[in-house]
């Protein structure tokens, strides 16, 4: 199946309220352009320099999402163009995003990454940490970034019940945070292997790579 067929097939199944981020990390620009020509405008990368390189070479109506672990010293390389940063896991990173966005007179949208997986290798903060950040005076002083929702990654497992439980946990954290901060809108959860389950559990944004572009080559 072609990239455009894969893309259209996935989009045809998505409820109206769900946004598709095409995860294009490690993929050549020709693949991204095939998706672009099929109407895709939101692409997700997990390495800031790779995303910056692709941004330079590709059409300017693309929204670039940073979906990987954010290294604070590299925020400056994407601050001029990134649309949404998914994996913000502490206040220091929010401060750095705010500082770099200010240089370009921009407001950068961010998601707080909540740790829902049982694996130690997954990044993220607790829901109560997220609440503390949003309630803090220091946070209210940051004018060049905006927290618009939450993001989470489930445990890498075949156990669907565990994944479901973790997705439900993220949804309930979101409901609690939104009750205090009505401006929150996005729940980013679900990838190629589990996005249908994520949508059933309340996801409003899915990050899909291999189901669109084929398996990744890490060589």
N, C-alpha and C. Protein backbone atom coordinates (compact mmCIF):
# COMPACT_ATOMS: atom_id res chain seq x y z
N UNK A 1 0.83 -1.22 0.00
CA UNK A 1 0.00 0.00 0.00
C UNK A 1 0.86 1.26 0.00
N UNK A 2 0.41 2.29 -0.72
CA UNK A 2 1.19 3.53 -0.77
C UNK A 2 0.95 4.37 0.49
N UNK A 3 1.84 5.33 0.70
CA UNK A 3 1.72 6.24 1.85
C UNK A 3 0.39 6.97 1.80
N UNK A 4 0.00 7.47 0.62
CA UNK A 4 -1.26 8.21 0.53
C UNK A 4 -2.46 7.30 0.83
N UNK A 5 -2.40 6.05 0.37
CA UNK A 5 -3.49 5.11 0.68
C UNK A 5 -3.55 4.82 2.18
N UNK A 6 -2.38 4.60 2.78
CA UNK A 6 -2.33 4.35 4.23
C UNK A 6 -2.94 5.52 5.01
N UNK A 7 -2.55 6.70 4.58
CA UNK A 7 -3.01 7.92 5.25
C UNK A 7 -4.52 8.09 5.13
N UNK A 8 -5.02 7.94 3.92
CA UNK A 8 -6.46 8.10 3.70
C UNK A 8 -7.26 7.04 4.42
N UNK A 9 -6.71 5.84 4.48
CA UNK A 9 -7.36 4.73 5.19
C UNK A 9 -7.51 5.05 6.69
N UNK A 10 -6.44 5.57 7.29
CA UNK A 10 -6.47 5.93 8.72
C UNK A 10 -7.43 7.10 8.95
N UNK A 11 -7.30 8.13 8.11
CA UNK A 11 -8.15 9.32 8.29
C UNK A 11 -9.63 9.00 8.17
N UNK A 12 -9.95 8.05 7.29
CA UNK A 12 -11.36 7.71 7.08
C UNK A 12 -11.99 7.07 8.33
N UNK A 13 -11.14 6.54 9.22
CA UNK A 13 -11.65 5.89 10.44
C UNK A 13 -11.69 6.82 11.64
N UNK A 14 -11.13 8.02 11.50
CA UNK A 14 -10.98 8.88 12.68
C UNK A 14 -12.23 9.71 12.96
N UNK A 15 -12.65 9.75 14.22
CA UNK A 15 -13.72 10.68 14.58
C UNK A 15 -13.27 12.12 14.33
N UNK A 16 -14.24 12.98 14.15
CA UNK A 16 -13.97 14.38 13.79
C UNK A 16 -13.06 15.10 14.78
N UNK A 17 -13.19 14.74 16.07
CA UNK A 17 -12.45 15.50 17.10
C UNK A 17 -11.00 15.02 17.27
N UNK A 18 -10.58 14.03 16.48
CA UNK A 18 -9.23 13.47 16.66
C UNK A 18 -8.29 13.99 15.57
N UNK A 19 -7.16 14.55 16.01
CA UNK A 19 -6.13 15.07 15.10
C UNK A 19 -5.06 14.01 14.87
N UNK A 20 -4.65 13.85 13.62
CA UNK A 20 -3.61 12.88 13.27
C UNK A 20 -2.27 13.59 13.08
N UNK A 21 -1.29 13.16 13.88
CA UNK A 21 0.09 13.62 13.70
C UNK A 21 0.82 12.49 12.97
N UNK A 22 1.32 12.80 11.76
CA UNK A 22 2.07 11.79 11.00
C UNK A 22 3.51 11.79 11.51
N UNK A 23 3.92 10.71 12.15
CA UNK A 23 5.25 10.64 12.76
C UNK A 23 6.26 10.26 11.69
N UNK A 24 7.06 11.26 11.31
CA UNK A 24 7.93 11.13 10.14
C UNK A 24 9.40 10.98 10.50
N UNK A 25 9.71 10.74 11.76
CA UNK A 25 11.12 10.64 12.18
C UNK A 25 11.84 9.53 11.41
N UNK A 26 13.06 9.83 11.05
CA UNK A 26 13.96 8.95 10.27
C UNK A 26 13.54 8.77 8.81
N UNK A 27 12.41 9.35 8.41
CA UNK A 27 11.92 9.14 7.04
C UNK A 27 12.44 10.23 6.10
N UNK A 28 12.71 9.87 4.83
CA UNK A 28 13.20 10.87 3.88
C UNK A 28 12.10 11.85 3.48
N UNK A 29 12.53 13.01 3.01
CA UNK A 29 11.59 14.07 2.64
C UNK A 29 10.62 13.61 1.54
N UNK A 30 11.08 12.73 0.65
CA UNK A 30 10.18 12.23 -0.41
C UNK A 30 8.95 11.54 0.18
N UNK A 31 9.13 10.82 1.29
CA UNK A 31 8.00 10.16 1.95
C UNK A 31 7.05 11.20 2.54
N UNK A 32 7.64 12.22 3.19
CA UNK A 32 6.82 13.26 3.80
C UNK A 32 6.04 14.02 2.73
N UNK A 33 6.69 14.25 1.58
CA UNK A 33 6.02 14.99 0.50
C UNK A 33 4.86 14.18 -0.08
N UNK A 34 4.99 12.86 -0.10
CA UNK A 34 3.86 12.05 -0.57
C UNK A 34 2.66 12.22 0.37
N UNK A 35 2.95 12.23 1.67
CA UNK A 35 1.88 12.45 2.65
C UNK A 35 1.32 13.87 2.53
N UNK A 36 2.20 14.83 2.31
CA UNK A 36 1.78 16.23 2.14
C UNK A 36 0.85 16.36 0.94
N UNK A 37 1.23 15.71 -0.17
CA UNK A 37 0.40 15.80 -1.37
C UNK A 37 -0.95 15.10 -1.19
N UNK A 38 -1.01 14.18 -0.23
CA UNK A 38 -2.29 13.52 0.08
C UNK A 38 -3.10 14.32 1.10
N UNK A 39 -2.60 15.52 1.46
CA UNK A 39 -3.37 16.41 2.33
C UNK A 39 -2.90 16.51 3.77
N UNK A 40 -1.86 15.75 4.16
CA UNK A 40 -1.39 15.80 5.55
C UNK A 40 -0.59 17.07 5.79
N UNK A 41 -0.89 17.77 6.88
CA UNK A 41 -0.19 19.02 7.18
C UNK A 41 0.47 19.01 8.56
N UNK A 42 0.28 17.97 9.34
CA UNK A 42 0.88 17.93 10.68
C UNK A 42 1.86 16.75 10.74
N UNK A 43 3.12 17.07 10.99
CA UNK A 43 4.16 16.05 11.06
C UNK A 43 4.85 16.09 12.42
N UNK A 44 5.19 14.91 12.94
CA UNK A 44 5.85 14.82 14.24
C UNK A 44 7.25 14.25 14.11
N UNK A 45 8.20 14.91 14.73
CA UNK A 45 9.60 14.46 14.74
C UNK A 45 10.07 14.34 16.18
N UNK A 46 11.08 13.47 16.40
CA UNK A 46 11.56 13.32 17.78
C UNK A 46 12.98 13.83 17.98
N UNK A 47 13.58 14.35 16.90
CA UNK A 47 14.91 14.97 17.04
C UNK A 47 14.83 16.38 16.47
N UNK A 48 15.21 17.36 17.30
CA UNK A 48 15.02 18.76 16.94
C UNK A 48 15.79 19.12 15.67
N UNK A 49 17.05 18.64 15.56
CA UNK A 49 17.84 19.04 14.37
C UNK A 49 17.27 18.45 13.08
N UNK A 50 16.79 17.22 13.16
CA UNK A 50 16.19 16.60 11.97
C UNK A 50 14.93 17.37 11.55
N UNK A 51 14.14 17.76 12.55
CA UNK A 51 12.92 18.52 12.27
C UNK A 51 13.27 19.88 11.65
N UNK A 52 14.29 20.55 12.18
CA UNK A 52 14.69 21.87 11.67
C UNK A 52 15.15 21.76 10.21
N UNK A 53 15.87 20.69 9.91
CA UNK A 53 16.35 20.46 8.54
C UNK A 53 15.18 20.25 7.58
N UNK A 54 14.21 19.43 8.01
CA UNK A 54 13.04 19.16 7.16
C UNK A 54 12.19 20.43 7.00
N UNK A 55 12.06 21.19 8.08
CA UNK A 55 11.30 22.44 8.02
C UNK A 55 11.87 23.38 6.97
N UNK A 56 13.21 23.45 6.90
CA UNK A 56 13.88 24.32 5.92
C UNK A 56 13.52 23.95 4.48
N UNK A 57 13.39 22.64 4.25
CA UNK A 57 13.26 22.16 2.87
C UNK A 57 11.80 21.95 2.42
N UNK A 58 10.87 22.03 3.34
CA UNK A 58 9.49 21.65 3.00
C UNK A 58 8.54 22.85 3.01
N UNK A 59 7.31 22.69 2.46
CA UNK A 59 6.36 23.80 2.41
C UNK A 59 6.10 24.42 3.78
N UNK A 60 5.84 25.71 3.77
CA UNK A 60 5.76 26.45 5.03
C UNK A 60 4.37 26.40 5.69
N UNK A 61 3.41 25.71 5.07
CA UNK A 61 2.10 25.59 5.75
C UNK A 61 2.04 24.32 6.61
N UNK A 62 3.17 23.65 6.78
CA UNK A 62 3.20 22.45 7.64
C UNK A 62 3.29 22.87 9.11
N UNK A 63 2.56 22.17 9.95
CA UNK A 63 2.70 22.32 11.40
C UNK A 63 3.66 21.24 11.88
N UNK A 64 4.73 21.65 12.52
CA UNK A 64 5.71 20.69 13.04
C UNK A 64 5.50 20.47 14.53
N UNK A 65 5.37 19.20 14.90
CA UNK A 65 5.21 18.83 16.31
C UNK A 65 6.47 18.12 16.79
N UNK A 66 6.98 18.57 17.92
CA UNK A 66 8.12 17.88 18.55
C UNK A 66 7.54 16.83 19.50
N UNK A 67 7.74 15.56 19.17
CA UNK A 67 7.09 14.50 19.96
C UNK A 67 8.06 13.73 20.85
N UNK A 68 9.36 14.01 20.70
CA UNK A 68 10.35 13.26 21.49
C UNK A 68 10.72 13.96 22.78
N UNK A 69 11.68 13.37 23.46
CA UNK A 69 12.23 13.96 24.68
C UNK A 69 12.88 15.30 24.32
N UNK A 70 12.55 16.35 25.07
CA UNK A 70 13.04 17.70 24.75
C UNK A 70 14.29 18.02 25.57
N UNK A 71 15.40 18.21 24.86
CA UNK A 71 16.62 18.66 25.54
C UNK A 71 16.60 20.19 25.56
N UNK A 72 16.72 20.75 26.76
CA UNK A 72 16.56 22.20 26.90
C UNK A 72 17.55 22.99 26.04
N UNK A 73 18.78 22.49 25.91
CA UNK A 73 19.80 23.25 25.17
C UNK A 73 19.53 23.26 23.67
N UNK A 74 18.54 22.49 23.21
CA UNK A 74 18.24 22.46 21.76
C UNK A 74 16.92 23.15 21.41
N UNK A 75 16.21 23.65 22.42
CA UNK A 75 14.92 24.33 22.17
C UNK A 75 15.11 25.47 21.18
N UNK A 76 16.25 26.17 21.28
CA UNK A 76 16.50 27.34 20.41
C UNK A 76 16.43 27.01 18.92
N UNK A 77 16.73 25.76 18.57
CA UNK A 77 16.75 25.38 17.15
C UNK A 77 15.36 25.23 16.54
N UNK A 78 14.33 25.12 17.38
CA UNK A 78 12.98 24.95 16.84
C UNK A 78 12.03 26.08 17.22
N UNK A 79 12.52 26.99 18.05
CA UNK A 79 11.63 28.02 18.62
C UNK A 79 10.99 28.92 17.57
N UNK A 80 11.62 29.06 16.42
CA UNK A 80 11.09 29.99 15.41
C UNK A 80 9.91 29.40 14.63
N UNK A 81 9.74 28.06 14.70
CA UNK A 81 8.71 27.47 13.82
C UNK A 81 7.85 26.37 14.44
N UNK A 82 8.27 25.74 15.52
CA UNK A 82 7.51 24.58 16.03
C UNK A 82 6.08 24.99 16.42
N UNK A 83 5.11 24.13 16.11
CA UNK A 83 3.70 24.43 16.43
C UNK A 83 3.29 23.92 17.80
N UNK A 84 3.73 22.70 18.11
CA UNK A 84 3.32 22.08 19.38
C UNK A 84 4.45 21.19 19.88
N UNK A 85 4.77 21.33 21.17
CA UNK A 85 5.78 20.48 21.81
C UNK A 85 5.05 19.51 22.74
N UNK A 86 5.13 18.23 22.41
CA UNK A 86 4.33 17.23 23.13
C UNK A 86 4.89 16.84 24.49
N UNK A 87 6.21 16.69 24.57
CA UNK A 87 6.74 15.99 25.75
C UNK A 87 7.39 16.88 26.79
N UNK A 88 6.69 17.86 27.31
CA UNK A 88 7.30 18.73 28.34
C UNK A 88 7.13 18.06 29.70
N UNK A 89 8.26 17.79 30.34
CA UNK A 89 8.16 16.98 31.57
C UNK A 89 8.58 17.69 32.84
N UNK A 90 8.94 18.99 32.72
CA UNK A 90 9.24 19.73 33.95
C UNK A 90 9.15 21.24 33.70
N UNK A 91 9.15 21.98 34.79
CA UNK A 91 8.97 23.43 34.71
C UNK A 91 10.16 24.12 34.04
N UNK A 92 11.37 23.59 34.28
CA UNK A 92 12.57 24.20 33.68
C UNK A 92 12.46 24.22 32.16
N UNK A 93 11.91 23.15 31.58
CA UNK A 93 11.75 23.09 30.12
C UNK A 93 10.73 24.13 29.66
N UNK A 94 9.64 24.28 30.39
CA UNK A 94 8.65 25.32 30.04
C UNK A 94 9.29 26.71 30.05
N UNK A 95 10.14 26.95 31.05
CA UNK A 95 10.81 28.25 31.16
C UNK A 95 11.71 28.49 29.95
N UNK A 96 12.42 27.44 29.53
CA UNK A 96 13.33 27.57 28.38
C UNK A 96 12.54 27.80 27.08
N UNK A 97 11.43 27.09 26.93
CA UNK A 97 10.57 27.28 25.75
C UNK A 97 10.06 28.72 25.72
N UNK A 98 9.62 29.20 26.87
CA UNK A 98 9.13 30.58 26.97
C UNK A 98 10.21 31.58 26.58
N UNK A 99 11.41 31.36 27.10
CA UNK A 99 12.54 32.26 26.82
C UNK A 99 12.88 32.31 25.33
N UNK A 100 12.92 31.14 24.70
CA UNK A 100 13.28 31.08 23.28
C UNK A 100 12.14 31.60 22.39
N UNK A 101 10.89 31.33 22.78
CA UNK A 101 9.74 31.81 22.00
C UNK A 101 9.69 33.34 22.01
N UNK A 102 10.07 33.91 23.15
CA UNK A 102 10.04 35.37 23.31
C UNK A 102 10.95 36.05 22.29
N UNK A 103 12.07 35.41 21.96
CA UNK A 103 13.02 35.99 20.99
C UNK A 103 12.38 36.16 19.61
N UNK A 104 11.39 35.32 19.33
CA UNK A 104 10.71 35.38 18.02
C UNK A 104 9.32 35.99 18.13
N UNK A 105 9.04 36.54 19.32
CA UNK A 105 7.72 37.15 19.55
C UNK A 105 6.59 36.17 19.25
N UNK A 106 6.77 34.91 19.70
CA UNK A 106 5.79 33.86 19.44
C UNK A 106 5.25 33.32 20.75
N UNK A 107 4.11 32.63 20.67
CA UNK A 107 3.61 31.83 21.79
C UNK A 107 3.61 30.38 21.30
N UNK A 108 4.37 29.54 21.98
CA UNK A 108 4.48 28.13 21.58
C UNK A 108 3.56 27.28 22.45
N UNK A 109 2.72 26.48 21.79
CA UNK A 109 1.82 25.57 22.51
C UNK A 109 2.60 24.35 23.00
N UNK A 110 2.25 23.90 24.20
CA UNK A 110 2.94 22.77 24.82
C UNK A 110 1.94 21.80 25.47
N UNK A 111 2.35 20.55 25.56
CA UNK A 111 1.61 19.54 26.32
C UNK A 111 2.49 19.08 27.47
N UNK A 112 1.89 18.90 28.63
CA UNK A 112 2.63 18.34 29.76
C UNK A 112 2.62 16.82 29.65
N UNK A 113 3.80 16.22 29.70
CA UNK A 113 3.88 14.76 29.59
C UNK A 113 3.67 14.13 30.96
N UNK A 114 2.58 13.37 31.06
CA UNK A 114 2.24 12.68 32.31
C UNK A 114 2.75 11.25 32.21
N UNK A 115 3.45 10.80 33.24
CA UNK A 115 3.98 9.43 33.22
C UNK A 115 2.86 8.45 33.57
N UNK A 116 2.47 7.64 32.59
CA UNK A 116 1.41 6.65 32.84
C UNK A 116 1.95 5.22 32.72
N UNK A 117 3.12 5.07 32.08
CA UNK A 117 3.68 3.73 31.85
C UNK A 117 4.37 3.20 33.10
N UNK A 118 4.45 1.88 33.18
CA UNK A 118 5.14 1.27 34.32
C UNK A 118 6.65 1.23 34.11
N UNK A 119 7.11 1.43 32.86
CA UNK A 119 8.54 1.35 32.57
C UNK A 119 9.28 2.59 33.08
N UNK A 120 10.46 2.38 33.63
CA UNK A 120 11.28 3.50 34.10
C UNK A 120 11.83 4.32 32.95
N UNK A 121 11.92 3.70 31.76
CA UNK A 121 12.53 4.40 30.63
C UNK A 121 11.63 5.51 30.08
N UNK A 122 10.36 5.50 30.42
CA UNK A 122 9.45 6.53 29.91
C UNK A 122 9.56 7.80 30.76
N UNK A 123 9.55 8.94 30.07
CA UNK A 123 9.65 10.23 30.76
C UNK A 123 8.27 10.70 31.22
N UNK A 124 8.27 11.75 32.04
CA UNK A 124 7.00 12.36 32.40
C UNK A 124 6.92 12.74 33.87
N UNK A 125 5.90 13.54 34.16
CA UNK A 125 5.66 13.99 35.54
C UNK A 125 4.38 13.33 36.05
N UNK A 126 4.16 13.43 37.34
CA UNK A 126 2.90 12.92 37.90
C UNK A 126 1.80 13.96 37.66
N UNK A 127 0.56 13.52 37.74
CA UNK A 127 -0.57 14.45 37.55
C UNK A 127 -0.54 15.54 38.62
N UNK A 128 -0.09 15.19 39.83
CA UNK A 128 -0.05 16.22 40.88
C UNK A 128 1.06 17.24 40.62
N UNK A 129 2.18 16.79 40.03
CA UNK A 129 3.23 17.74 39.62
C UNK A 129 2.68 18.71 38.57
N UNK A 130 1.92 18.16 37.62
CA UNK A 130 1.33 19.00 36.57
C UNK A 130 0.42 20.05 37.18
N UNK A 131 -0.38 19.62 38.13
CA UNK A 131 -1.30 20.53 38.81
C UNK A 131 -0.54 21.63 39.54
N UNK A 132 0.55 21.24 40.23
CA UNK A 132 1.37 22.21 40.98
C UNK A 132 1.96 23.26 40.03
N UNK A 133 2.43 22.80 38.87
CA UNK A 133 3.00 23.74 37.89
C UNK A 133 1.94 24.73 37.43
N UNK A 134 0.78 24.22 37.03
CA UNK A 134 -0.27 25.09 36.49
C UNK A 134 -0.80 26.08 37.52
N UNK A 135 -0.69 25.71 38.79
CA UNK A 135 -1.19 26.58 39.87
C UNK A 135 -0.15 27.59 40.34
N UNK A 136 1.11 27.43 39.90
CA UNK A 136 2.18 28.23 40.49
C UNK A 136 2.21 29.66 39.93
N UNK A 137 2.70 30.58 40.76
CA UNK A 137 2.85 31.98 40.32
C UNK A 137 3.89 32.09 39.22
N UNK A 138 4.96 31.30 39.36
CA UNK A 138 6.03 31.33 38.34
C UNK A 138 5.47 30.98 36.96
N UNK A 139 4.59 29.98 36.93
CA UNK A 139 4.00 29.57 35.65
C UNK A 139 3.16 30.70 35.05
N UNK A 140 2.42 31.40 35.89
CA UNK A 140 1.53 32.46 35.39
C UNK A 140 2.31 33.62 34.77
N UNK A 141 3.61 33.69 35.07
CA UNK A 141 4.45 34.76 34.51
C UNK A 141 4.98 34.43 33.11
N UNK A 142 4.83 33.18 32.68
CA UNK A 142 5.33 32.77 31.36
C UNK A 142 4.31 33.15 30.29
N UNK A 143 4.63 34.14 29.49
CA UNK A 143 3.65 34.68 28.53
C UNK A 143 3.88 34.19 27.09
N UNK A 144 5.01 33.52 26.83
CA UNK A 144 5.31 33.13 25.45
C UNK A 144 5.21 31.62 25.21
N UNK A 145 4.59 30.94 26.14
CA UNK A 145 4.23 29.54 25.90
C UNK A 145 2.88 29.30 26.53
N UNK A 146 2.16 28.33 26.00
CA UNK A 146 0.82 28.05 26.50
C UNK A 146 0.64 26.53 26.63
N UNK A 147 0.26 26.09 27.81
CA UNK A 147 -0.03 24.66 27.99
C UNK A 147 -1.46 24.41 27.51
N UNK A 148 -1.60 23.54 26.50
CA UNK A 148 -2.92 23.32 25.89
C UNK A 148 -3.45 21.90 26.14
N UNK A 149 -2.70 21.09 26.90
CA UNK A 149 -3.20 19.74 27.17
C UNK A 149 -2.13 18.85 27.75
N UNK A 150 -2.36 17.55 27.64
CA UNK A 150 -1.45 16.55 28.22
C UNK A 150 -1.09 15.50 27.17
N UNK A 151 0.00 14.82 27.43
CA UNK A 151 0.46 13.75 26.56
C UNK A 151 0.93 12.59 27.43
N UNK A 152 0.76 11.38 26.92
CA UNK A 152 1.26 10.22 27.66
C UNK A 152 1.60 9.07 26.73
N UNK A 153 2.55 8.24 27.17
CA UNK A 153 2.93 7.05 26.43
C UNK A 153 2.69 5.82 27.29
N UNK A 154 1.91 4.89 26.74
CA UNK A 154 1.60 3.67 27.48
C UNK A 154 2.82 2.74 27.51
N UNK A 155 2.77 1.78 28.42
CA UNK A 155 3.81 0.76 28.50
C UNK A 155 3.89 -0.02 27.19
N UNK A 156 5.11 -0.36 26.80
CA UNK A 156 5.31 -1.16 25.57
C UNK A 156 5.04 -2.63 25.92
N UNK A 157 3.82 -3.06 25.68
CA UNK A 157 3.40 -4.40 26.09
C UNK A 157 2.30 -4.90 25.17
N UNK A 158 2.13 -6.23 25.14
CA UNK A 158 1.02 -6.83 24.39
C UNK A 158 -0.27 -6.84 25.22
N UNK A 159 -0.14 -6.49 26.49
CA UNK A 159 -1.28 -6.56 27.42
C UNK A 159 -2.22 -5.36 27.21
N UNK A 160 -3.28 -5.59 26.43
CA UNK A 160 -4.20 -4.50 26.08
C UNK A 160 -4.89 -3.92 27.31
N UNK A 161 -5.16 -4.76 28.29
CA UNK A 161 -5.84 -4.27 29.51
C UNK A 161 -4.97 -3.26 30.25
N UNK A 162 -3.67 -3.55 30.29
CA UNK A 162 -2.76 -2.61 30.96
C UNK A 162 -2.71 -1.28 30.20
N UNK A 163 -2.61 -1.38 28.87
CA UNK A 163 -2.57 -0.16 28.05
C UNK A 163 -3.85 0.65 28.26
N UNK A 164 -4.98 -0.05 28.23
CA UNK A 164 -6.27 0.61 28.43
C UNK A 164 -6.32 1.33 29.78
N UNK A 165 -5.84 0.64 30.81
CA UNK A 165 -5.83 1.22 32.16
C UNK A 165 -4.99 2.51 32.19
N UNK A 166 -3.85 2.48 31.49
CA UNK A 166 -2.98 3.65 31.48
C UNK A 166 -3.59 4.80 30.69
N UNK A 167 -4.26 4.49 29.59
CA UNK A 167 -4.95 5.53 28.82
C UNK A 167 -6.07 6.16 29.65
N UNK A 168 -6.82 5.32 30.35
CA UNK A 168 -7.92 5.84 31.19
C UNK A 168 -7.37 6.73 32.30
N UNK A 169 -6.20 6.33 32.81
CA UNK A 169 -5.54 7.14 33.85
C UNK A 169 -5.20 8.54 33.32
N UNK A 170 -4.69 8.59 32.09
CA UNK A 170 -4.36 9.89 31.49
C UNK A 170 -5.62 10.73 31.27
N UNK A 171 -6.66 10.08 30.79
CA UNK A 171 -7.93 10.80 30.58
C UNK A 171 -8.45 11.38 31.90
N UNK A 172 -8.37 10.61 32.97
CA UNK A 172 -8.90 11.13 34.25
C UNK A 172 -8.01 12.25 34.80
N UNK A 173 -6.69 12.15 34.57
CA UNK A 173 -5.79 13.26 34.96
C UNK A 173 -6.15 14.52 34.19
N UNK A 174 -6.44 14.34 32.89
CA UNK A 174 -6.81 15.48 32.05
C UNK A 174 -8.11 16.13 32.56
N UNK A 175 -9.11 15.30 32.88
CA UNK A 175 -10.40 15.83 33.35
C UNK A 175 -10.19 16.66 34.62
N UNK A 176 -9.36 16.13 35.53
CA UNK A 176 -9.08 16.86 36.77
C UNK A 176 -8.39 18.19 36.49
N UNK A 177 -7.34 18.16 35.62
CA UNK A 177 -6.60 19.39 35.32
C UNK A 177 -7.48 20.40 34.58
N UNK A 178 -8.34 19.90 33.69
CA UNK A 178 -9.22 20.79 32.92
C UNK A 178 -10.26 21.45 33.83
N UNK A 179 -10.65 20.77 34.89
CA UNK A 179 -11.62 21.38 35.82
C UNK A 179 -11.02 22.63 36.48
N UNK A 180 -9.69 22.63 36.62
CA UNK A 180 -9.00 23.79 37.20
C UNK A 180 -8.56 24.78 36.12
N UNK A 181 -8.32 24.23 34.92
CA UNK A 181 -7.78 25.05 33.81
C UNK A 181 -8.57 24.73 32.54
N UNK A 182 -9.70 25.41 32.35
CA UNK A 182 -10.60 25.09 31.22
C UNK A 182 -9.96 25.26 29.84
N UNK A 183 -8.80 25.95 29.78
CA UNK A 183 -8.16 26.17 28.48
C UNK A 183 -7.50 24.90 27.91
N UNK A 184 -7.35 23.89 28.74
CA UNK A 184 -6.74 22.64 28.26
C UNK A 184 -7.70 21.93 27.30
N UNK A 185 -7.18 21.46 26.15
CA UNK A 185 -8.05 20.85 25.14
C UNK A 185 -7.56 19.50 24.64
N UNK A 186 -6.25 19.28 24.65
CA UNK A 186 -5.68 18.14 23.92
C UNK A 186 -5.27 17.01 24.86
N UNK A 187 -5.63 15.78 24.47
CA UNK A 187 -5.07 14.57 25.10
C UNK A 187 -4.35 13.82 23.99
N UNK A 188 -3.02 13.88 24.02
CA UNK A 188 -2.22 13.22 22.98
C UNK A 188 -1.81 11.84 23.49
N UNK A 189 -2.47 10.82 22.98
CA UNK A 189 -2.08 9.44 23.34
C UNK A 189 -2.52 8.50 22.23
N UNK A 190 -1.75 7.44 22.04
CA UNK A 190 -2.05 6.47 21.00
C UNK A 190 -1.09 6.57 19.84
N UNK A 191 -0.54 5.40 19.45
CA UNK A 191 0.39 5.33 18.33
C UNK A 191 -0.09 4.24 17.37
N UNK A 192 0.76 3.87 16.40
CA UNK A 192 0.31 2.93 15.36
C UNK A 192 -0.38 1.68 15.92
N UNK A 193 0.20 1.10 16.98
CA UNK A 193 -0.33 -0.17 17.47
C UNK A 193 -1.56 -0.07 18.36
N UNK A 194 -1.84 1.14 18.87
CA UNK A 194 -2.92 1.21 19.88
C UNK A 194 -3.80 2.45 19.75
N UNK A 195 -3.75 3.13 18.59
CA UNK A 195 -4.48 4.41 18.51
C UNK A 195 -5.99 4.22 18.59
N UNK A 196 -6.50 3.07 18.09
CA UNK A 196 -7.96 2.87 18.18
C UNK A 196 -8.42 2.75 19.64
N UNK A 197 -7.62 2.03 20.41
CA UNK A 197 -7.90 1.90 21.85
C UNK A 197 -7.78 3.27 22.53
N UNK A 198 -6.77 4.03 22.15
CA UNK A 198 -6.57 5.37 22.74
C UNK A 198 -7.77 6.27 22.46
N UNK A 199 -8.28 6.22 21.22
CA UNK A 199 -9.44 7.04 20.86
C UNK A 199 -10.66 6.63 21.68
N UNK A 200 -10.84 5.32 21.84
CA UNK A 200 -11.96 4.82 22.66
C UNK A 200 -11.85 5.29 24.10
N UNK A 201 -10.59 5.53 24.56
CA UNK A 201 -10.37 5.99 25.94
C UNK A 201 -10.33 7.51 26.06
N UNK A 202 -10.57 8.22 24.93
CA UNK A 202 -10.69 9.68 25.02
C UNK A 202 -9.59 10.50 24.37
N UNK A 203 -8.68 9.87 23.63
CA UNK A 203 -7.62 10.64 22.97
C UNK A 203 -8.20 11.60 21.94
N UNK A 204 -7.58 12.80 21.86
CA UNK A 204 -7.98 13.75 20.82
C UNK A 204 -6.85 14.00 19.82
N UNK A 205 -5.71 13.35 20.04
CA UNK A 205 -4.58 13.50 19.11
C UNK A 205 -3.77 12.21 19.13
N UNK A 206 -3.56 11.63 17.94
CA UNK A 206 -2.80 10.38 17.86
C UNK A 206 -1.52 10.61 17.05
N UNK A 207 -0.48 9.85 17.40
CA UNK A 207 0.83 9.98 16.77
C UNK A 207 1.11 8.68 16.02
N UNK A 208 0.97 8.72 14.71
CA UNK A 208 1.05 7.47 13.92
C UNK A 208 2.19 7.55 12.91
N UNK A 209 3.10 6.60 12.97
CA UNK A 209 4.24 6.58 12.06
C UNK A 209 4.26 5.39 11.13
N UNK A 210 4.56 4.21 11.68
CA UNK A 210 4.77 3.02 10.83
C UNK A 210 3.53 2.62 10.04
N UNK A 211 2.33 2.89 10.56
CA UNK A 211 1.10 2.55 9.81
C UNK A 211 0.91 3.45 8.59
N UNK A 212 1.63 4.58 8.56
CA UNK A 212 1.58 5.46 7.39
C UNK A 212 2.80 5.23 6.49
N UNK A 213 3.98 5.29 7.10
CA UNK A 213 5.23 5.31 6.33
C UNK A 213 5.94 3.96 6.24
N UNK A 214 5.42 2.93 6.92
CA UNK A 214 6.12 1.65 6.96
C UNK A 214 7.08 1.62 8.15
N UNK A 215 7.65 0.46 8.38
CA UNK A 215 8.54 0.30 9.55
C UNK A 215 9.74 1.23 9.45
N UNK A 216 10.22 1.66 10.60
CA UNK A 216 11.38 2.54 10.63
C UNK A 216 12.68 1.77 10.45
N UNK A 217 13.62 2.42 9.80
CA UNK A 217 14.95 1.84 9.63
C UNK A 217 15.92 2.59 10.54
N UNK A 218 16.41 1.90 11.57
CA UNK A 218 17.29 2.59 12.52
C UNK A 218 18.78 2.39 12.20
N UNK A 219 19.09 1.77 11.06
CA UNK A 219 20.51 1.56 10.72
C UNK A 219 21.21 2.88 10.42
